[in-house]
Amino acid sequence: MRSRVRRAGLVTALMLSCSLSAVPSAHAALGGAPMTPPADASVSARTLQPSSAVIRSASGAASSASATASYTVRETTLGNGTVVREYLTTDGTVFAITWRGPQMPDLNELLGSYFPQYVAGVKAVRAARGGARGPVAVDQSSLVVQSGGHMGAFSGRAWLPPALPAGVSGSDIQ
């Protein structure tokens, strides 16, 4: 009897691990290449031009100049209903990401090499709040992440301030 229970547990664990590995994941990385969308995802993209910038001369006179850096916003709707927007520079590097939907995306994948910095920032924020949970905002010179929500409705955004194209600010990341 024990052997049968053990075998059933092993088979169940094996089936679960196989089914989890079969779930397509979205691989986008902040500061890297855009995601390869899973087969069940839909993708759309649009190129944007930042609004005109006002430049002040040394004498203080204002003149208008067009920002020359355009960027692309690529929106991927995953099979689970979560929408991930990637903000791409003209060379295809992801400088910002947003998400909203019924399931929280894997921030380790979305933030890529910036994930450890994010985790350290979250720990610092929670320590300052006495361990309290809730919406998180990590605001550092090289990384900004804002995340919150509840079961069935998660949202957030992350960007790299030094990588923002000319004329783009954090408020443009929606």
C-alpha atoms as a PDB file:
ATOM      1  CA  MET A   1       0.000   0.000   0.000  1.00  0.00           C
ATOM      2  CA  ARG A   2       2.794   2.453   0.922  1.00  0.00           C
ATOM      3  CA  SER A   3       4.537   1.798  -2.355  1.00  0.00           C
ATOM      4  CA  ARG A   4       1.341   2.538  -4.278  1.00  0.00           C
ATOM      5  CA  VAL A   5       0.806   5.832  -2.393  1.00  0.00           C
ATOM      6  CA  ARG A   6       4.441   6.806  -2.923  1.00  0.00           C
ATOM      7  CA  ARG A   7       4.206   5.974  -6.641  1.00  0.00           C
ATOM      8  CA  ALA A   8       0.969   7.971  -6.974  1.00  0.00           C
ATOM      9  CA  GLY A   9       2.641  10.941  -5.280  1.00  0.00           C
ATOM     10  CA  LEU A  10       5.639  10.666  -7.570  1.00  0.00           C
ATOM     11  CA  VAL A  11       3.444  10.461 -10.668  1.00  0.00           C
ATOM     12  CA  THR A  12       1.420  13.470  -9.502  1.00  0.00           C
ATOM     13  CA  ALA A  13       4.574  15.498  -8.847  1.00  0.00           C
ATOM     14  CA  LEU A  14       5.986  14.545 -12.238  1.00  0.00           C
ATOM     15  CA  MET A  15       2.741  15.488 -14.021  1.00  0.00           C
ATOM     16  CA  LEU A  16       2.604  18.811 -12.178  1.00  0.00           C
ATOM     17  CA  SER A  17       6.185  19.680 -13.060  1.00  0.00           C
ATOM     18  CA  CYS A  18       5.584  18.772 -16.710  1.00  0.00           C
ATOM     19  CA  SER A  19       2.398  20.825 -16.844  1.00  0.00           C
ATOM     20  CA  LEU A  20       4.113  23.831 -15.274  1.00  0.00           C
ATOM     21  CA  SER A  21       6.981  23.651 -17.713  1.00  0.00           C
ATOM     22  CA  ALA A  22       4.463  23.551 -20.564  1.00  0.00           C
ATOM     23  CA  VAL A  23       2.951  26.875 -19.489  1.00  0.00           C
ATOM     24  CA  PRO A  24       4.416  29.503 -21.797  1.00  0.00           C
ATOM     25  CA  SER A  25       6.060  32.382 -20.015  1.00  0.00           C
ATOM     26  CA  ALA A  26       6.646  35.891 -21.227  1.00  0.00           C
ATOM     27  CA  HIS A  27      10.348  36.691 -21.368  1.00  0.00           C
ATOM     28  CA  ALA A  28      10.856  40.426 -21.381  1.00  0.00           C
ATOM     29  CA  ALA A  29      13.638  42.027 -19.484  1.00  0.00           C
ATOM     30  CA  LEU A  30      13.953  45.631 -18.464  1.00  0.00           C
ATOM     31  CA  GLY A  31      17.128  46.944 -20.066  1.00  0.00           C
ATOM     32  CA  GLY A  32      17.165  44.068 -22.563  1.00  0.00           C
ATOM     33  CA  ALA A  33      15.272  42.661 -25.518  1.00  0.00           C
ATOM     34  CA  PRO A  34      11.457  42.599 -25.762  1.00  0.00           C
ATOM     35  CA  MET A  35       9.535  39.468 -24.870  1.00  0.00           C
ATOM     36  CA  THR A  36       8.868  36.611 -27.201  1.00  0.00           C
ATOM     37  CA  PRO A  37       5.099  36.357 -26.874  1.00  0.00           C
ATOM     38  CA  PRO A  38       3.586  32.981 -25.967  1.00  0.00           C
ATOM     39  CA  ALA A  39       1.503  31.265 -28.655  1.00  0.00           C
ATOM     40  CA  ASP A  40      -1.767  32.247 -26.931  1.00  0.00           C
ATOM     41  CA  ALA A  41      -0.893  35.966 -26.775  1.00  0.00           C
ATOM     42  CA  SER A  42      -1.927  38.835 -29.025  1.00  0.00           C
ATOM     43  CA  VAL A  43       0.500  41.653 -29.794  1.00  0.00           C
ATOM     44  CA  SER A  44       0.111  45.197 -31.104  1.00  0.00           C
ATOM     45  CA  ALA A  45       2.646  48.012 -31.397  1.00  0.00           C
ATOM     46  CA  ARG A  46       2.694  51.732 -32.075  1.00  0.00           C
ATOM     47  CA  THR A  47       5.545  54.205 -32.466  1.00  0.00           C
ATOM     48  CA  LEU A  48       5.310  57.448 -30.514  1.00  0.00           C
ATOM     49  CA  GLN A  49       7.143  60.736 -30.704  1.00  0.00           C
ATOM     50  CA  PRO A  50       7.642  62.567 -27.386  1.00  0.00           C
ATOM     51  CA  SER A  51       5.972  65.955 -27.236  1.00  0.00           C
ATOM     52  CA  SER A  52       7.984  69.045 -28.094  1.00  0.00           C
ATOM     53  CA  ALA A  53      10.440  70.183 -25.486  1.00  0.00           C
ATOM     54  CA  VAL A  54      10.969  73.766 -24.412  1.00  0.00           C
ATOM     55  CA  ILE A  55      14.642  74.693 -24.258  1.00  0.00           C
ATOM     56  CA  ARG A  56      15.903  77.745 -22.387  1.00  0.00           C
ATOM     57  CA  SER A  57      18.944  79.571 -23.649  1.00  0.00           C
ATOM     58  CA  ALA A  58      21.613  80.968 -21.346  1.00  0.00           C
ATOM     59  CA  SER A  59      19.795  84.322 -21.438  1.00  0.00           C
ATOM     60  CA  GLY A  60      16.605  82.651 -20.183  1.00  0.00           C
ATOM     61  CA  ALA A  61      14.669  83.000 -23.433  1.00  0.00           C
ATOM     62  CA  ALA A  62      12.514  79.979 -24.226  1.00  0.00           C
ATOM     63  CA  SER A  63      12.560  78.346 -27.620  1.00  0.00           C
ATOM     64  CA  SER A  64      10.700  75.323 -28.858  1.00  0.00           C
ATOM     65  CA  ALA A  65      12.580  72.298 -30.153  1.00  0.00           C
ATOM     66  CA  SER A  66      11.251  68.951 -31.204  1.00  0.00           C
ATOM     67  CA  ALA A  67      12.543  65.929 -29.372  1.00  0.00           C
ATOM     68  CA  THR A  68      14.079  63.633 -31.944  1.00  0.00           C
ATOM     69  CA  ALA A  69      13.947  60.319 -30.094  1.00  0.00           C
ATOM     70  CA  SER A  70      10.898  58.237 -30.896  1.00  0.00           C
ATOM     71  CA  TYR A  71       9.984  55.040 -29.078  1.00  0.00           C
ATOM     72  CA  THR A  72       7.695  52.086 -29.604  1.00  0.00           C
ATOM     73  CA  VAL A  73       5.034  50.801 -27.214  1.00  0.00           C
ATOM     74  CA  ARG A  74       4.392  47.119 -27.724  1.00  0.00           C
ATOM     75  CA  GLU A  75       1.333  45.675 -25.988  1.00  0.00           C
ATOM     76  CA  THR A  76       1.013  41.952 -25.401  1.00  0.00           C
ATOM     77  CA  THR A  77      -2.192  40.440 -24.046  1.00  0.00           C
ATOM     78  CA  LEU A  78      -1.348  37.098 -22.483  1.00  0.00           C
ATOM     79  CA  GLY A  79      -3.726  34.153 -22.561  1.00  0.00           C
ATOM     80  CA  ASN A  80      -4.633  34.734 -18.896  1.00  0.00           C
ATOM     81  CA  GLY A  81      -5.818  38.286 -19.665  1.00  0.00           C
ATOM     82  CA  THR A  82      -2.805  40.114 -18.254  1.00  0.00           C
ATOM     83  CA  VAL A  83      -1.602  42.950 -20.492  1.00  0.00           C
ATOM     84  CA  VAL A  84       2.123  43.759 -20.592  1.00  0.00           C
ATOM     85  CA  ARG A  85       3.313  46.917 -22.325  1.00  0.00           C
ATOM     86  CA  GLU A  86       6.945  47.229 -23.266  1.00  0.00           C
ATOM     87  CA  TYR A  87       8.459  50.605 -24.082  1.00  0.00           C
ATOM     88  CA  LEU A  88      11.284  50.196 -26.589  1.00  0.00           C
ATOM     89  CA  THR A  89      14.013  52.561 -27.711  1.00  0.00           C
ATOM     90  CA  THR A  90      14.741  52.851 -31.427  1.00  0.00           C
ATOM     91  CA  ASP A  91      17.419  50.149 -31.054  1.00  0.00           C
ATOM     92  CA  GLY A  92      14.868  47.740 -29.494  1.00  0.00           C
ATOM     93  CA  THR A  93      15.943  47.948 -25.850  1.00  0.00           C
ATOM     94  CA  VAL A  94      13.176  47.821 -23.225  1.00  0.00           C
ATOM     95  CA  PHE A  95      13.385  50.977 -21.078  1.00  0.00           C
ATOM     96  CA  ALA A  96      10.022  50.573 -19.332  1.00  0.00           C
ATOM     97  CA  ILE A  97       7.342  47.960 -18.696  1.00  0.00           C
ATOM     98  CA  THR A  98       3.769  48.167 -17.403  1.00  0.00           C
ATOM     99  CA  TRP A  99       1.319  45.420 -16.504  1.00  0.00           C
ATOM    100  CA  ARG A 100      -2.328  45.098 -15.552  1.00  0.00           C
ATOM    101  CA  GLY A 101      -4.615  42.148 -15.272  1.00  0.00           C
ATOM    102  CA  PRO A 102      -6.019  39.305 -13.245  1.00  0.00           C
ATOM    103  CA  GLN A 103      -2.649  37.668 -12.571  1.00  0.00           C
ATOM    104  CA  MET A 104       0.603  39.177 -11.367  1.00  0.00           C
ATOM    105  CA  PRO A 105       3.329  38.635 -13.971  1.00  0.00           C
ATOM    106  CA  ASP A 106       6.664  37.110 -13.004  1.00  0.00           C
ATOM    107  CA  LEU A 107       8.595  40.228 -11.980  1.00  0.00           C
ATOM    108  CA  ASN A 108      11.823  38.242 -11.928  1.00  0.00           C
ATOM    109  CA  GLU A 109      11.420  37.771 -15.686  1.00  0.00           C
ATOM    110  CA  LEU A 110      10.105  41.268 -16.410  1.00  0.00           C
ATOM    111  CA  LEU A 111      12.760  43.095 -14.417  1.00  0.00           C
ATOM    112  CA  GLY A 112      15.604  40.826 -15.494  1.00  0.00           C
ATOM    113  CA  SER A 113      18.950  41.883 -14.014  1.00  0.00           C
ATOM    114  CA  TYR A 114      17.182  44.669 -12.056  1.00  0.00           C
ATOM    115  CA  PHE A 115      15.138  42.174 -10.007  1.00  0.00           C
ATOM    116  CA  PRO A 116      17.674  41.918  -7.105  1.00  0.00           C
ATOM    117  CA  GLN A 117      17.728  45.733  -6.872  1.00  0.00           C
ATOM    118  CA  TYR A 118      13.914  45.732  -6.772  1.00  0.00           C
ATOM    119  CA  VAL A 119      13.814  43.048  -4.040  1.00  0.00           C
ATOM    120  CA  ALA A 120      16.294  45.038  -1.929  1.00  0.00           C
ATOM    121  CA  GLY A 121      14.178  48.177  -2.425  1.00  0.00           C
ATOM    122  CA  VAL A 122      10.986  46.353  -1.389  1.00  0.00           C
ATOM    123  CA  LYS A 123      12.698  45.034   1.755  1.00  0.00           C
ATOM    124  CA  ALA A 124      13.828  48.554   2.634  1.00  0.00           C
ATOM    125  CA  VAL A 125      10.323  49.996   2.078  1.00  0.00           C
ATOM    126  CA  ARG A 126       8.692  47.269   4.173  1.00  0.00           C
ATOM    127  CA  ALA A 127      11.271  47.639   6.943  1.00  0.00           C
ATOM    128  CA  ALA A 128      10.541  51.372   7.057  1.00  0.00           C
ATOM    129  CA  ARG A 129       6.818  50.543   7.366  1.00  0.00           C
ATOM    130  CA  GLY A 130       7.411  48.081  10.183  1.00  0.00           C
ATOM    131  CA  GLY A 131       6.900  45.057   7.920  1.00  0.00           C
ATOM    132  CA  ALA A 132       3.500  46.190   6.637  1.00  0.00           C
ATOM    133  CA  ARG A 133       2.484  44.900   3.228  1.00  0.00           C
ATOM    134  CA  GLY A 134       0.622  46.802   0.552  1.00  0.00           C
ATOM    135  CA  PRO A 135       1.372  48.683  -2.644  1.00  0.00           C
ATOM    136  CA  VAL A 136       5.091  49.004  -3.241  1.00  0.00           C
ATOM    137  CA  ALA A 137       7.045  51.889  -4.715  1.00  0.00           C
ATOM    138  CA  VAL A 138      10.775  51.575  -5.224  1.00  0.00           C
ATOM    139  CA  ASP A 139      12.118  54.917  -6.389  1.00  0.00           C
ATOM    140  CA  GLN A 140      15.857  54.947  -7.024  1.00  0.00           C
ATOM    141  CA  SER A 141      18.007  56.918  -9.429  1.00  0.00           C
ATOM    142  CA  SER A 142      18.514  53.907 -11.707  1.00  0.00           C
ATOM    143  CA  LEU A 143      15.203  52.042 -11.203  1.00  0.00           C
ATOM    144  CA  VAL A 144      11.593  52.960 -10.460  1.00  0.00           C
ATOM    145  CA  VAL A 145       8.986  50.253  -9.793  1.00  0.00           C
ATOM    146  CA  GLN A 146       5.403  50.835  -8.658  1.00  0.00           C
ATOM    147  CA  SER A 147       3.247  47.784  -8.070  1.00  0.00           C
ATOM    148  CA  GLY A 148      -0.043  47.053  -6.379  1.00  0.00           C
ATOM    149  CA  GLY A 149      -3.440  45.489  -6.646  1.00  0.00           C
ATOM    150  CA  HIS A 150      -5.334  42.567  -5.241  1.00  0.00           C
ATOM    151  CA  MET A 151      -6.454  39.109  -6.299  1.00  0.00           C
ATOM    152  CA  GLY A 152      -7.827  39.412  -9.828  1.00  0.00           C
ATOM    153  CA  ALA A 153      -6.649  42.999 -10.444  1.00  0.00           C
ATOM    154  CA  PHE A 154      -2.912  43.662 -10.413  1.00  0.00           C
ATOM    155  CA  SER A 155      -1.083  46.566 -11.990  1.00  0.00           C
ATOM    156  CA  GLY A 156       2.306  48.152 -11.994  1.00  0.00           C
ATOM    157  CA  ARG A 157       4.999  49.869 -13.948  1.00  0.00           C
ATOM    158  CA  ALA A 158       8.768  49.942 -13.984  1.00  0.00           C
ATOM    159  CA  TRP A 159      11.283  52.074 -15.823  1.00  0.00           C
ATOM    160  CA  LEU A 160      14.952  52.968 -15.973  1.00  0.00           C
ATOM    161  CA  PRO A 161      15.248  56.769 -15.515  1.00  0.00           C
ATOM    162  CA  PRO A 162      18.698  57.016 -17.168  1.00  0.00           C
ATOM    163  CA  ALA A 163      17.408  55.095 -20.226  1.00  0.00           C
ATOM    164  CA  LEU A 164      14.327  57.263 -20.896  1.00  0.00           C
ATOM    165  CA  PRO A 165      14.502  58.780 -24.385  1.00  0.00           C
ATOM    166  CA  ALA A 166      14.726  62.561 -24.708  1.00  0.00           C
ATOM    167  CA  GLY A 167      11.352  64.153 -23.968  1.00  0.00           C
ATOM    168  CA  VAL A 168       9.973  61.105 -22.101  1.00  0.00           C
ATOM    169  CA  SER A 169       9.286  61.163 -18.361  1.00  0.00           C
ATOM    170  CA  GLY A 170       8.002  58.649 -15.830  1.00  0.00           C
ATOM    171  CA  SER A 171       4.482  60.055 -16.227  1.00  0.00           C
ATOM    172  CA  ASP A 172       4.514  58.910 -19.883  1.00  0.00           C
ATOM    173  CA  ILE A 173       4.837  55.290 -18.732  1.00  0.00           C
ATOM    174  CA  GLN A 174       1.191  54.219 -18.468  1.00  0.00           C
END
